[in-house]
Amino acid sequence: MAHAESATDTDGLLLAIGNFDGVHLGHQAILRALIEQSRTQNLISAVMVFEPQPREWFDPANAPARLTNFAEKSALLTACGVERIIVARFDEALRCLSAQAFANQLAKLNVKGLLIGDDFRFGQDRTGDGEFLRAQGFAVTHLDTVCDDPATLERVSSTRVRAYLQQGDLTAAARLLGRDYTITGTVLHGDKIGRTLNFPTANIALARIRPPLHGIYGVDVWTTDGTPLTDLAQDGQAGVAGFAPNSLFGAASVGTRPTVQGETWRLEVFFPQFKGDLYGRNLSVRFLHFLHGERNYNGLDALKAGIKQDVVDLLAWRETQIASMQPKH
């Protein structure tokens, strides 16, 4: 196991273990309990995550789409107040680790207690559970399932967030996440097809097998280092203001680009009325409005016309949002 900071003899840890994909409201409830109890017990709050996630290792082609890559997840966990992130590399050796050997590893990390769900299992063939950990001398706290609707007892889960995103229901996904869905990544050089269509795009690294959404979106984009995107503008083309401070509004495409026989997943953002060099910049893309699914156009001329109409439609949507935010007289 590799971890972000080395444990010392005095660094007793209170640990939560899981994928924490998306760091949704259910995860956030666990993290609040973790941090509160760690302070009460004078322990360090810690989270153990697996890289790759187990289902990505067993069957990468059919694994669930990632809500958050490791960098995004780490940033969200840290923002929630977690003091230490432990990364367990999931491989054949970890898969074959017995429950006893895994418990021994926890002891070496100076774990004093764990917060776990009722369905938590670990070790080869999932033979370890909370009672096993108690028998090994760890303090174990079982946490209740977090539901977003007490009437239906439907639990908040990464699976439900993915389903909403795949359906284009950004509002429902945001309700479970406690925030709008956002992807953060570095602007990379692409194949420059957008330039030939007169719609140059920022090609943003996804750092995951595939994203959980697919289609055309209205987005808010800002730099992670706080630099206003308008400061990067050239030739007086400063773009269209976004909704967040120092952000720009954009038209985003998430997909494989079937019109140009693309095979890999791409996140590309076109910024209307903007010109500037964004290569190497780390950007956050907040998804606000689903326009339609990815389309396979009949040639580049049809693709260009389709993109042009998408931009018109998304700017019109933005105007309606701006108008709705104005005070009524």
C-alpha atoms as a PDB file:
ATOM      1  CA  MET A   1       0.000   0.000   0.000  1.00  0.00           C
ATOM      2  CA  ALA A   2       1.196   3.485  -0.864  1.00  0.00           C
ATOM      3  CA  HIS A   3      -0.135   6.491   0.956  1.00  0.00           C
ATOM      4  CA  ALA A   4       0.072  10.256   0.773  1.00  0.00           C
ATOM      5  CA  GLU A   5       1.895  10.655   4.080  1.00  0.00           C
ATOM      6  CA  SER A   6       3.879   8.154   6.098  1.00  0.00           C
ATOM      7  CA  ALA A   7       2.368   7.170   9.429  1.00  0.00           C
ATOM      8  CA  THR A   8       4.503   7.659  12.515  1.00  0.00           C
ATOM      9  CA  ASP A   9       4.309   5.915  15.868  1.00  0.00           C
ATOM     10  CA  THR A  10       2.224   8.764  17.250  1.00  0.00           C
ATOM     11  CA  ASP A  11      -0.084   9.198  14.275  1.00  0.00           C
ATOM     12  CA  GLY A  12      -3.125   7.191  15.297  1.00  0.00           C
ATOM     13  CA  LEU A  13      -5.630   7.072  12.448  1.00  0.00           C
ATOM     14  CA  LEU A  14      -9.406   6.915  12.336  1.00  0.00           C
ATOM     15  CA  LEU A  15     -10.072   5.408   8.918  1.00  0.00           C
ATOM     16  CA  ALA A  16     -12.872   5.176   6.378  1.00  0.00           C
ATOM     17  CA  ILE A  17     -12.383   2.790   3.447  1.00  0.00           C
ATOM     18  CA  GLY A  18     -14.097   2.892   0.060  1.00  0.00           C
ATOM     19  CA  ASN A  19     -14.063   4.094  -3.535  1.00  0.00           C
ATOM     20  CA  PHE A  20     -15.628   7.464  -2.626  1.00  0.00           C
ATOM     21  CA  ASP A  21     -16.349   7.977  -6.315  1.00  0.00           C
ATOM     22  CA  GLY A  22     -18.000  11.365  -6.699  1.00  0.00           C
ATOM     23  CA  VAL A  23     -17.770  12.263  -2.991  1.00  0.00           C
ATOM     24  CA  HIS A  24     -21.570  12.604  -2.979  1.00  0.00           C
ATOM     25  CA  LEU A  25     -23.842  13.481  -0.056  1.00  0.00           C
ATOM     26  CA  GLY A  26     -23.645   9.937   1.327  1.00  0.00           C
ATOM     27  CA  HIS A  27     -19.854  10.092   1.319  1.00  0.00           C
ATOM     28  CA  GLN A  28     -19.948  13.572   2.819  1.00  0.00           C
ATOM     29  CA  ALA A  29     -22.031  12.292   5.757  1.00  0.00           C
ATOM     30  CA  ILE A  30     -19.392   9.612   6.386  1.00  0.00           C
ATOM     31  CA  LEU A  31     -16.627  12.202   6.206  1.00  0.00           C
ATOM     32  CA  ARG A  32     -18.373  14.531   8.676  1.00  0.00           C
ATOM     33  CA  ALA A  33     -18.694  11.669  11.149  1.00  0.00           C
ATOM     34  CA  LEU A  34     -15.069  10.678  10.516  1.00  0.00           C
ATOM     35  CA  ILE A  35     -13.751  14.173  11.175  1.00  0.00           C
ATOM     36  CA  GLU A  36     -15.920  14.767  14.237  1.00  0.00           C
ATOM     37  CA  GLN A  37     -14.941  11.462  15.832  1.00  0.00           C
ATOM     38  CA  SER A  38     -11.250  11.885  14.989  1.00  0.00           C
ATOM     39  CA  ARG A  39     -11.208  15.219  16.790  1.00  0.00           C
ATOM     40  CA  THR A  40     -13.016  13.800  19.800  1.00  0.00           C
ATOM     41  CA  GLN A  41     -10.624  10.849  19.987  1.00  0.00           C
ATOM     42  CA  ASN A  42      -7.510  12.898  19.186  1.00  0.00           C
ATOM     43  CA  LEU A  43      -6.847  10.849  16.047  1.00  0.00           C
ATOM     44  CA  ILE A  44      -6.008  11.798  12.466  1.00  0.00           C
ATOM     45  CA  SER A  45      -8.890  11.525  10.003  1.00  0.00           C
ATOM     46  CA  ALA A  46      -7.901   9.300   7.089  1.00  0.00           C
ATOM     47  CA  VAL A  47      -9.540   7.777   4.029  1.00  0.00           C
ATOM     48  CA  MET A  48      -8.302   4.729   2.123  1.00  0.00           C
ATOM     49  CA  VAL A  49      -9.158   4.551  -1.571  1.00  0.00           C
ATOM     50  CA  PHE A  50      -8.237   1.998  -4.222  1.00  0.00           C
ATOM     51  CA  GLU A  51      -6.415   2.734  -7.483  1.00  0.00           C
ATOM     52  CA  PRO A  52      -7.512   1.455  -9.853  1.00  0.00           C
ATOM     53  CA  GLN A  53     -10.973   0.896  -8.457  1.00  0.00           C
ATOM     54  CA  PRO A  54     -11.510  -2.881  -8.082  1.00  0.00           C
ATOM     55  CA  ARG A  55     -14.021  -3.259 -10.913  1.00  0.00           C
ATOM     56  CA  GLU A  56     -11.665  -1.329 -13.216  1.00  0.00           C
ATOM     57  CA  TRP A  57      -8.974  -3.893 -12.462  1.00  0.00           C
ATOM     58  CA  PHE A  58     -11.197  -6.948 -12.897  1.00  0.00           C
ATOM     59  CA  ASP A  59     -13.024  -5.808 -16.055  1.00  0.00           C
ATOM     60  CA  PRO A  60     -11.911  -2.378 -17.339  1.00  0.00           C
ATOM     61  CA  ALA A  61     -14.098  -2.514 -20.447  1.00  0.00           C
ATOM     62  CA  ASN A  62     -17.274  -2.918 -18.395  1.00  0.00           C
ATOM     63  CA  ALA A  63     -16.375  -1.038 -15.218  1.00  0.00           C
ATOM     64  CA  PRO A  64     -18.678   1.831 -14.187  1.00  0.00           C
ATOM     65  CA  ALA A  65     -17.718   5.209 -15.626  1.00  0.00           C
ATOM     66  CA  ARG A  66     -15.739   7.277 -13.153  1.00  0.00           C
ATOM     67  CA  LEU A  67     -17.455  10.272 -11.605  1.00  0.00           C
ATOM     68  CA  THR A  68     -14.097  11.519 -10.305  1.00  0.00           C
ATOM     69  CA  ASN A  69     -10.557  10.678 -11.307  1.00  0.00           C
ATOM     70  CA  PHE A  70      -7.989  10.387  -8.510  1.00  0.00           C
ATOM     71  CA  ALA A  71      -6.927  14.050  -8.600  1.00  0.00           C
ATOM     72  CA  GLU A  72     -10.537  15.259  -8.447  1.00  0.00           C
ATOM     73  CA  LYS A  73     -11.391  12.827  -5.663  1.00  0.00           C
ATOM     74  CA  SER A  74      -8.352  13.863  -3.621  1.00  0.00           C
ATOM     75  CA  ALA A  75      -9.248  17.538  -3.957  1.00  0.00           C
ATOM     76  CA  LEU A  76     -12.837  16.884  -2.846  1.00  0.00           C
ATOM     77  CA  LEU A  77     -11.762  14.752   0.125  1.00  0.00           C
ATOM     78  CA  THR A  78      -9.288  17.411   1.217  1.00  0.00           C
ATOM     79  CA  ALA A  79     -11.931  20.132   0.851  1.00  0.00           C
ATOM     80  CA  CYS A  80     -14.171  18.103   3.174  1.00  0.00           C
ATOM     81  CA  GLY A  81     -11.444  18.234   5.829  1.00  0.00           C
ATOM     82  CA  VAL A  82      -9.817  14.792   5.506  1.00  0.00           C
ATOM     83  CA  GLU A  83      -6.277  14.992   6.859  1.00  0.00           C
ATOM     84  CA  ARG A  84      -4.733  11.938   5.192  1.00  0.00           C
ATOM     85  CA  ILE A  85      -5.467  10.013   2.005  1.00  0.00           C
ATOM     86  CA  ILE A  86      -4.101   6.476   1.792  1.00  0.00           C
ATOM     87  CA  VAL A  87      -3.898   4.916  -1.669  1.00  0.00           C
ATOM     88  CA  ALA A  88      -4.100   1.127  -1.827  1.00  0.00           C
ATOM     89  CA  ARG A  89      -2.927  -0.036  -5.231  1.00  0.00           C
ATOM     90  CA  PHE A  90      -5.408  -2.673  -6.351  1.00  0.00           C
ATOM     91  CA  ASP A  91      -3.551  -5.502  -8.065  1.00  0.00           C
ATOM     92  CA  GLU A  92      -3.242  -9.276  -7.901  1.00  0.00           C
ATOM     93  CA  ALA A  93      -1.350  -9.122  -4.608  1.00  0.00           C
ATOM     94  CA  LEU A  94      -4.037  -7.006  -2.938  1.00  0.00           C
ATOM     95  CA  ARG A  95      -6.821  -9.115  -4.421  1.00  0.00           C
ATOM     96  CA  CYS A  96      -5.296 -12.224  -2.876  1.00  0.00           C
ATOM     97  CA  LEU A  97      -4.656 -10.603   0.515  1.00  0.00           C
ATOM     98  CA  SER A  98      -6.444 -12.482   3.288  1.00  0.00           C
ATOM     99  CA  ALA A  99      -8.646 -10.641   5.774  1.00  0.00           C
ATOM    100  CA  GLN A 100      -5.999 -11.257   8.441  1.00  0.00           C
ATOM    101  CA  ALA A 101      -3.190  -9.901   6.259  1.00  0.00           C
ATOM    102  CA  PHE A 102      -5.260  -6.831   5.430  1.00  0.00           C
ATOM    103  CA  ALA A 103      -5.943  -6.228   9.122  1.00  0.00           C
ATOM    104  CA  ASN A 104      -2.212  -6.548   9.757  1.00  0.00           C
ATOM    105  CA  GLN A 105      -1.582  -3.841   7.143  1.00  0.00           C
ATOM    106  CA  LEU A 106      -4.068  -1.566   8.905  1.00  0.00           C
ATOM    107  CA  ALA A 107      -2.240  -2.115  12.171  1.00  0.00           C
ATOM    108  CA  LYS A 108       1.070  -1.182  10.525  1.00  0.00           C
ATOM    109  CA  LEU A 109      -0.531   2.082   9.397  1.00  0.00           C
ATOM    110  CA  ASN A 110      -1.418   2.701  13.066  1.00  0.00           C
ATOM    111  CA  VAL A 111      -5.148   2.571  12.419  1.00  0.00           C
ATOM    112  CA  LYS A 112      -6.979   2.702  15.742  1.00  0.00           C
ATOM    113  CA  GLY A 113     -10.560   2.719  14.514  1.00  0.00           C
ATOM    114  CA  LEU A 114     -12.695   2.434  11.418  1.00  0.00           C
ATOM    115  CA  LEU A 115     -15.994   3.854  10.182  1.00  0.00           C
ATOM    116  CA  ILE A 116     -17.744   1.380   7.897  1.00  0.00           C
ATOM    117  CA  GLY A 117     -21.111   0.684   6.311  1.00  0.00           C
ATOM    118  CA  ASP A 118     -23.169  -2.382   7.179  1.00  0.00           C
ATOM    119  CA  ASP A 119     -22.284  -4.013   3.837  1.00  0.00           C
ATOM    120  CA  PHE A 120     -18.519  -3.505   4.224  1.00  0.00           C
ATOM    121  CA  ARG A 121     -16.454  -6.595   3.358  1.00  0.00           C
ATOM    122  CA  PHE A 122     -12.733  -6.968   2.690  1.00  0.00           C
ATOM    123  CA  GLY A 123      -9.988  -9.513   2.130  1.00  0.00           C
ATOM    124  CA  GLN A 124      -9.857 -12.418  -0.308  1.00  0.00           C
ATOM    125  CA  ASP A 125     -13.387 -13.634  -1.093  1.00  0.00           C
ATOM    126  CA  ARG A 126     -14.700 -10.776   1.068  1.00  0.00           C
ATOM    127  CA  THR A 127     -14.367 -12.811   4.261  1.00  0.00           C
ATOM    128  CA  GLY A 128     -13.598  -9.862   6.553  1.00  0.00           C
ATOM    129  CA  ASP A 129     -16.252  -7.655   8.146  1.00  0.00           C
ATOM    130  CA  GLY A 130     -16.793  -5.347  11.105  1.00  0.00           C
ATOM    131  CA  GLU A 131     -16.922  -8.144  13.657  1.00  0.00           C
ATOM    132  CA  PHE A 132     -13.630  -9.514  12.372  1.00  0.00           C
ATOM    133  CA  LEU A 133     -12.026  -6.088  12.763  1.00  0.00           C
ATOM    134  CA  ARG A 134     -13.329  -5.757  16.328  1.00  0.00           C
ATOM    135  CA  ALA A 135     -11.797  -9.124  17.125  1.00  0.00           C
ATOM    136  CA  GLN A 136      -8.488  -7.743  15.833  1.00  0.00           C
ATOM    137  CA  GLY A 137      -8.650  -4.907  18.367  1.00  0.00           C
ATOM    138  CA  PHE A 138      -9.924  -2.087  16.170  1.00  0.00           C
ATOM    139  CA  ALA A 139     -12.710   0.222  17.310  1.00  0.00           C
ATOM    140  CA  VAL A 140     -15.428  -0.088  14.676  1.00  0.00           C
ATOM    141  CA  THR A 141     -18.359   2.266  14.101  1.00  0.00           C
ATOM    142  CA  HIS A 142     -21.146   1.191  11.741  1.00  0.00           C
ATOM    143  CA  LEU A 143     -22.774   4.049   9.847  1.00  0.00           C
ATOM    144  CA  ASP A 144     -26.376   4.223   8.684  1.00  0.00           C
ATOM    145  CA  THR A 145     -27.164   4.386   4.976  1.00  0.00           C
ATOM    146  CA  VAL A 146     -27.812   7.932   3.765  1.00  0.00           C
ATOM    147  CA  CYS A 147     -31.096   8.341   1.860  1.00  0.00           C
ATOM    148  CA  ASP A 148     -32.181  11.402  -0.084  1.00  0.00           C
ATOM    149  CA  ASP A 149     -35.876  10.580   0.239  1.00  0.00           C
ATOM    150  CA  PRO A 150     -37.030   9.188   3.609  1.00  0.00           C
ATOM    151  CA  ALA A 151     -40.325   8.117   2.039  1.00  0.00           C
ATOM    152  CA  THR A 152     -38.715   5.733  -0.461  1.00  0.00           C
ATOM    153  CA  LEU A 153     -35.531   4.955   1.513  1.00  0.00           C
ATOM    154  CA  GLU A 154     -33.586   5.236  -1.740  1.00  0.00           C
ATOM    155  CA  ARG A 155     -29.913   5.478  -0.835  1.00  0.00           C
ATOM    156  CA  VAL A 156     -27.568   8.115  -2.175  1.00  0.00           C
ATOM    157  CA  SER A 157     -25.076   6.261  -4.355  1.00  0.00           C
ATOM    158  CA  SER A 158     -22.541   6.757  -7.106  1.00  0.00           C
ATOM    159  CA  THR A 159     -24.635   4.402  -9.258  1.00  0.00           C
ATOM    160  CA  ARG A 160     -27.635   6.732  -9.077  1.00  0.00           C
ATOM    161  CA  VAL A 161     -25.497   9.784  -9.850  1.00  0.00           C
ATOM    162  CA  ARG A 162     -24.134   8.025 -12.941  1.00  0.00           C
ATOM    163  CA  ALA A 163     -27.635   7.074 -14.055  1.00  0.00           C
ATOM    164  CA  TYR A 164     -28.867  10.666 -13.781  1.00  0.00           C
ATOM    165  CA  LEU A 165     -25.856  11.982 -15.700  1.00  0.00           C
ATOM    166  CA  GLN A 166     -26.352   9.408 -18.450  1.00  0.00           C
ATOM    167  CA  GLN A 167     -29.991  10.507 -18.715  1.00  0.00           C
ATOM    168  CA  GLY A 168     -28.942  14.153 -19.012  1.00  0.00           C
ATOM    169  CA  ASP A 169     -30.646  14.998 -15.696  1.00  0.00           C
ATOM    170  CA  LEU A 170     -27.993  17.332 -14.314  1.00  0.00           C
ATOM    171  CA  THR A 171     -30.354  18.717 -11.665  1.00  0.00           C
ATOM    172  CA  ALA A 172     -31.007  15.302 -10.095  1.00  0.00           C
ATOM    173  CA  ALA A 173     -27.292  14.457 -10.195  1.00  0.00           C
ATOM    174  CA  ALA A 174     -26.444  17.755  -8.506  1.00  0.00           C
ATOM    175  CA  ARG A 175     -29.005  17.032  -5.789  1.00  0.00           C
ATOM    176  CA  LEU A 176     -27.172  13.823  -4.840  1.00  0.00           C
ATOM    177  CA  LEU A 177     -23.710  15.360  -5.199  1.00  0.00           C
ATOM    178  CA  GLY A 178     -24.515  18.537  -3.283  1.00  0.00           C
ATOM    179  CA  ARG A 179     -22.996  20.521  -6.179  1.00  0.00           C
ATOM    180  CA  ASP A 180     -23.091  20.720  -9.957  1.00  0.00           C
ATOM    181  CA  TYR A 181     -21.181  17.927 -11.668  1.00  0.00           C
ATOM    182  CA  THR A 182     -17.701  19.122 -12.629  1.00  0.00           C
ATOM    183  CA  ILE A 183     -14.713  17.679 -14.468  1.00  0.00           C
ATOM    184  CA  THR A 184     -11.233  19.131 -13.956  1.00  0.00           C
ATOM    185  CA  GLY A 185      -8.318  18.542 -16.296  1.00  0.00           C
ATOM    186  CA  THR A 186      -5.406  19.972 -18.242  1.00  0.00           C
ATOM    187  CA  VAL A 187      -5.817  21.445 -21.734  1.00  0.00           C
ATOM    188  CA  LEU A 188      -3.949  19.216 -24.191  1.00  0.00           C
ATOM    189  CA  HIS A 189      -3.094  19.490 -27.853  1.00  0.00           C
ATOM    190  CA  GLY A 190      -5.663  17.659 -29.961  1.00  0.00           C
ATOM    191  CA  ASP A 191      -5.982  16.953 -33.675  1.00  0.00           C
ATOM    192  CA  LYS A 192      -7.048  20.558 -34.437  1.00  0.00           C
ATOM    193  CA  ILE A 193     -10.169  19.490 -36.358  1.00  0.00           C
ATOM    194  CA  GLY A 194     -12.134  22.231 -34.593  1.00  0.00           C
ATOM    195  CA  ARG A 195      -9.868  24.877 -36.118  1.00  0.00           C
ATOM    196  CA  THR A 196     -10.632  23.675 -39.629  1.00  0.00           C
ATOM    197  CA  LEU A 197     -14.338  24.078 -38.817  1.00  0.00           C
ATOM    198  CA  ASN A 198     -13.771  27.564 -37.379  1.00  0.00           C
ATOM    199  CA  PHE A 199     -14.746  26.267 -33.934  1.00  0.00           C
ATOM    200  CA  PRO A 200     -11.433  25.789 -32.064  1.00  0.00           C
ATOM    201  CA  THR A 201     -11.908  23.871 -28.841  1.00  0.00           C
ATOM    202  CA  ALA A 202     -10.002  23.299 -25.612  1.00  0.00           C
ATOM    203  CA  ASN A 203      -9.292  19.558 -25.409  1.00  0.00           C
ATOM    204  CA  ILE A 204      -9.403  18.761 -21.672  1.00  0.00           C
ATOM    205  CA  ALA A 205      -7.793  15.590 -20.302  1.00  0.00           C
ATOM    206  CA  LEU A 206     -10.313  13.219 -18.724  1.00  0.00           C
ATOM    207  CA  ALA A 207      -7.838  10.942 -16.866  1.00  0.00           C
ATOM    208  CA  ARG A 208     -10.344   8.074 -16.655  1.00  0.00           C
ATOM    209  CA  ILE A 209     -11.383   5.179 -18.869  1.00  0.00           C
ATOM    210  CA  ARG A 210     -14.533   7.054 -19.840  1.00  0.00           C
ATOM    211  CA  PRO A 211     -16.696   9.834 -18.397  1.00  0.00           C
ATOM    212  CA  PRO A 212     -20.190   9.292 -16.949  1.00  0.00           C
ATOM    213  CA  LEU A 213     -21.949  11.673 -19.332  1.00  0.00           C
ATOM    214  CA  HIS A 214     -22.237  11.901 -23.093  1.00  0.00           C
ATOM    215  CA  GLY A 215     -23.486  14.665 -25.352  1.00  0.00           C
ATOM    216  CA  ILE A 216     -23.561  18.438 -25.788  1.00  0.00           C
ATOM    217  CA  TYR A 217     -23.724  20.752 -22.767  1.00  0.00           C
ATOM    218  CA  GLY A 218     -23.706  24.346 -21.649  1.00  0.00           C
ATOM    219  CA  VAL A 219     -20.840  24.729 -19.175  1.00  0.00           C
ATOM    220  CA  ASP A 220     -19.114  27.174 -16.882  1.00  0.00           C
ATOM    221  CA  VAL A 221     -15.299  27.028 -17.030  1.00  0.00           C
ATOM    222  CA  TRP A 222     -12.593  28.527 -14.818  1.00  0.00           C
ATOM    223  CA  THR A 223      -8.904  28.008 -14.079  1.00  0.00           C
ATOM    224  CA  THR A 224      -8.026  26.064 -10.942  1.00  0.00           C
ATOM    225  CA  ASP A 225      -5.245  28.515 -10.059  1.00  0.00           C
ATOM    226  CA  GLY A 226      -7.637  31.460  -9.955  1.00  0.00           C
ATOM    227  CA  THR A 227      -6.398  33.214 -13.082  1.00  0.00           C
ATOM    228  CA  PRO A 228      -9.390  34.893 -14.763  1.00  0.00           C
ATOM    229  CA  LEU A 229      -9.829  33.426 -18.221  1.00  0.00           C
ATOM    230  CA  THR A 230     -10.330  36.951 -19.512  1.00  0.00           C
ATOM    231  CA  ASP A 231      -6.694  37.652 -18.513  1.00  0.00           C
ATOM    232  CA  LEU A 232      -5.669  35.034 -21.087  1.00  0.00           C
ATOM    233  CA  ALA A 233      -7.696  36.599 -23.893  1.00  0.00           C
ATOM    234  CA  GLN A 234      -6.063  37.825 -27.090  1.00  0.00           C
ATOM    235  CA  ASP A 235      -7.078  40.378 -29.727  1.00  0.00           C
ATOM    236  CA  GLY A 236      -9.863  41.733 -27.540  1.00  0.00           C
ATOM    237  CA  GLN A 237     -11.859  38.479 -27.765  1.00  0.00           C
ATOM    238  CA  ALA A 238     -12.571  37.928 -24.057  1.00  0.00           C
ATOM    239  CA  GLY A 239     -15.433  35.460 -24.414  1.00  0.00           C
ATOM    240  CA  VAL A 240     -18.895  35.269 -22.847  1.00  0.00           C
ATOM    241  CA  ALA A 241     -19.084  35.622 -19.083  1.00  0.00           C
ATOM    242  CA  GLY A 242     -19.970  32.509 -17.135  1.00  0.00           C
ATOM    243  CA  PHE A 243     -22.023  32.271 -13.969  1.00  0.00           C
ATOM    244  CA  ALA A 244     -19.142  31.765 -11.513  1.00  0.00           C
ATOM    245  CA  PRO A 245     -16.565  34.473 -10.756  1.00  0.00           C
ATOM    246  CA  ASN A 246     -13.775  34.697 -13.360  1.00  0.00           C
ATOM    247  CA  SER A 247     -15.405  32.015 -15.505  1.00  0.00           C
ATOM    248  CA  LEU A 248     -16.428  31.817 -19.142  1.00  0.00           C
ATOM    249  CA  PHE A 249     -19.499  30.187 -20.630  1.00  0.00           C
ATOM    250  CA  GLY A 250     -18.811  27.416 -23.115  1.00  0.00           C
ATOM    251  CA  ALA A 251     -20.340  24.764 -25.340  1.00  0.00           C
ATOM    252  CA  ALA A 252     -18.950  21.363 -24.354  1.00  0.00           C
ATOM    253  CA  SER A 253     -18.922  18.100 -26.246  1.00  0.00           C
ATOM    254  CA  VAL A 254     -18.347  14.827 -24.395  1.00  0.00           C
ATOM    255  CA  GLY A 255     -18.030  11.784 -26.622  1.00  0.00           C
ATOM    256  CA  THR A 256     -16.058   9.835 -29.178  1.00  0.00           C
ATOM    257  CA  ARG A 257     -16.718  12.112 -32.210  1.00  0.00           C
ATOM    258  CA  PRO A 258     -18.274   9.556 -34.594  1.00  0.00           C
ATOM    259  CA  THR A 259     -18.433  12.034 -37.500  1.00  0.00           C
ATOM    260  CA  VAL A 260     -14.618  12.022 -37.719  1.00  0.00           C
ATOM    261  CA  GLN A 261     -14.301   8.322 -36.808  1.00  0.00           C
ATOM    262  CA  GLY A 262     -13.022   9.105 -33.344  1.00  0.00           C
ATOM    263  CA  GLU A 263     -12.365   6.229 -30.961  1.00  0.00           C
ATOM    264  CA  THR A 264     -11.248   7.777 -27.688  1.00  0.00           C
ATOM    265  CA  TRP A 265     -13.421   9.740 -25.293  1.00  0.00           C
ATOM    266  CA  ARG A 266     -12.920  13.496 -25.440  1.00  0.00           C
ATOM    267  CA  LEU A 267     -14.091  16.515 -23.477  1.00  0.00           C
ATOM    268  CA  GLU A 268     -13.869  19.534 -25.772  1.00  0.00           C
ATOM    269  CA  VAL A 269     -15.081  23.043 -24.980  1.00  0.00           C
ATOM    270  CA  PHE A 270     -15.716  25.848 -27.451  1.00  0.00           C
ATOM    271  CA  PHE A 271     -15.719  29.348 -25.972  1.00  0.00           C
ATOM    272  CA  PRO A 272     -17.861  31.756 -28.034  1.00  0.00           C
ATOM    273  CA  GLN A 273     -16.198  35.085 -28.787  1.00  0.00           C
ATOM    274  CA  PHE A 274     -12.936  34.014 -27.128  1.00  0.00           C
ATOM    275  CA  LYS A 275      -9.393  33.774 -28.418  1.00  0.00           C
ATOM    276  CA  GLY A 276      -6.464  32.799 -26.219  1.00  0.00           C
ATOM    277  CA  ASP A 277      -3.790  30.204 -25.482  1.00  0.00           C
ATOM    278  CA  LEU A 278      -5.089  27.739 -22.884  1.00  0.00           C
ATOM    279  CA  TYR A 279      -2.627  24.889 -23.494  1.00  0.00           C
ATOM    280  CA  GLY A 280      -1.263  23.478 -20.233  1.00  0.00           C
ATOM    281  CA  ARG A 281      -3.888  25.274 -18.138  1.00  0.00           C
ATOM    282  CA  ASN A 282      -5.821  23.270 -15.576  1.00  0.00           C
ATOM    283  CA  LEU A 283      -9.528  23.993 -16.029  1.00  0.00           C
ATOM    284  CA  SER A 284     -12.684  23.074 -14.146  1.00  0.00           C
ATOM    285  CA  VAL A 285     -15.734  22.439 -16.327  1.00  0.00           C
ATOM    286  CA  ARG A 286     -19.090  22.687 -14.534  1.00  0.00           C
ATOM    287  CA  PHE A 287     -21.984  21.083 -16.412  1.00  0.00           C
ATOM    288  CA  LEU A 288     -25.100  23.253 -16.292  1.00  0.00           C
ATOM    289  CA  HIS A 289     -27.397  22.297 -19.167  1.00  0.00           C
ATOM    290  CA  PHE A 290     -27.832  19.181 -21.309  1.00  0.00           C
ATOM    291  CA  LEU A 291     -28.689  20.122 -24.890  1.00  0.00           C
ATOM    292  CA  HIS A 292     -28.718  16.787 -26.733  1.00  0.00           C
ATOM    293  CA  GLY A 293     -26.824  13.539 -27.216  1.00  0.00           C
ATOM    294  CA  GLU A 294     -23.811  13.147 -29.483  1.00  0.00           C
ATOM    295  CA  ARG A 295     -24.762  13.053 -33.164  1.00  0.00           C
ATOM    296  CA  ASN A 296     -23.129  11.374 -36.130  1.00  0.00           C
ATOM    297  CA  TYR A 297     -23.318  14.025 -38.870  1.00  0.00           C
ATOM    298  CA  ASN A 298     -23.071  13.290 -42.571  1.00  0.00           C
ATOM    299  CA  GLY A 299     -19.713  14.946 -43.226  1.00  0.00           C
ATOM    300  CA  LEU A 300     -17.784  17.951 -41.952  1.00  0.00           C
ATOM    301  CA  ASP A 301     -20.119  20.564 -43.465  1.00  0.00           C
ATOM    302  CA  ALA A 302     -23.073  19.082 -41.591  1.00  0.00           C
ATOM    303  CA  LEU A 303     -20.940  18.858 -38.436  1.00  0.00           C
ATOM    304  CA  LYS A 304     -19.989  22.530 -38.734  1.00  0.00           C
ATOM    305  CA  ALA A 305     -23.641  23.520 -39.187  1.00  0.00           C
ATOM    306  CA  GLY A 306     -24.609  21.369 -36.205  1.00  0.00           C
ATOM    307  CA  ILE A 307     -21.979  22.942 -33.952  1.00  0.00           C
ATOM    308  CA  LYS A 308     -23.051  26.425 -35.057  1.00  0.00           C
ATOM    309  CA  GLN A 309     -26.672  25.690 -34.123  1.00  0.00           C
ATOM    310  CA  ASP A 310     -25.610  24.157 -30.783  1.00  0.00           C
ATOM    311  CA  VAL A 311     -23.734  27.341 -29.885  1.00  0.00           C
ATOM    312  CA  VAL A 312     -26.743  29.482 -30.835  1.00  0.00           C
ATOM    313  CA  ASP A 313     -29.056  27.307 -28.730  1.00  0.00           C
ATOM    314  CA  LEU A 314     -26.748  27.259 -25.718  1.00  0.00           C
ATOM    315  CA  LEU A 315     -26.227  31.022 -25.771  1.00  0.00           C
ATOM    316  CA  ALA A 316     -30.009  31.423 -25.917  1.00  0.00           C
ATOM    317  CA  TRP A 317     -30.337  29.148 -22.879  1.00  0.00           C
ATOM    318  CA  ARG A 318     -27.746  31.257 -21.064  1.00  0.00           C
ATOM    319  CA  GLU A 319     -29.746  34.399 -21.802  1.00  0.00           C
ATOM    320  CA  THR A 320     -32.881  32.863 -20.302  1.00  0.00           C
ATOM    321  CA  GLN A 321     -30.928  31.972 -17.165  1.00  0.00           C
ATOM    322  CA  ILE A 322     -29.497  35.469 -16.900  1.00  0.00           C
ATOM    323  CA  ALA A 323     -32.967  36.961 -17.348  1.00  0.00           C
ATOM    324  CA  SER A 324     -34.432  34.694 -14.663  1.00  0.00           C
ATOM    325  CA  MET A 325     -31.782  35.908 -12.202  1.00  0.00           C
ATOM    326  CA  GLN A 326     -32.682  39.568 -12.656  1.00  0.00           C
ATOM    327  CA  PRO A 327     -34.803  41.148  -9.896  1.00  0.00           C
ATOM    328  CA  LYS A 328     -38.450  41.520 -10.865  1.00  0.00           C
ATOM    329  CA  HIS A 329     -39.977  44.982 -10.588  1.00  0.00           C
END
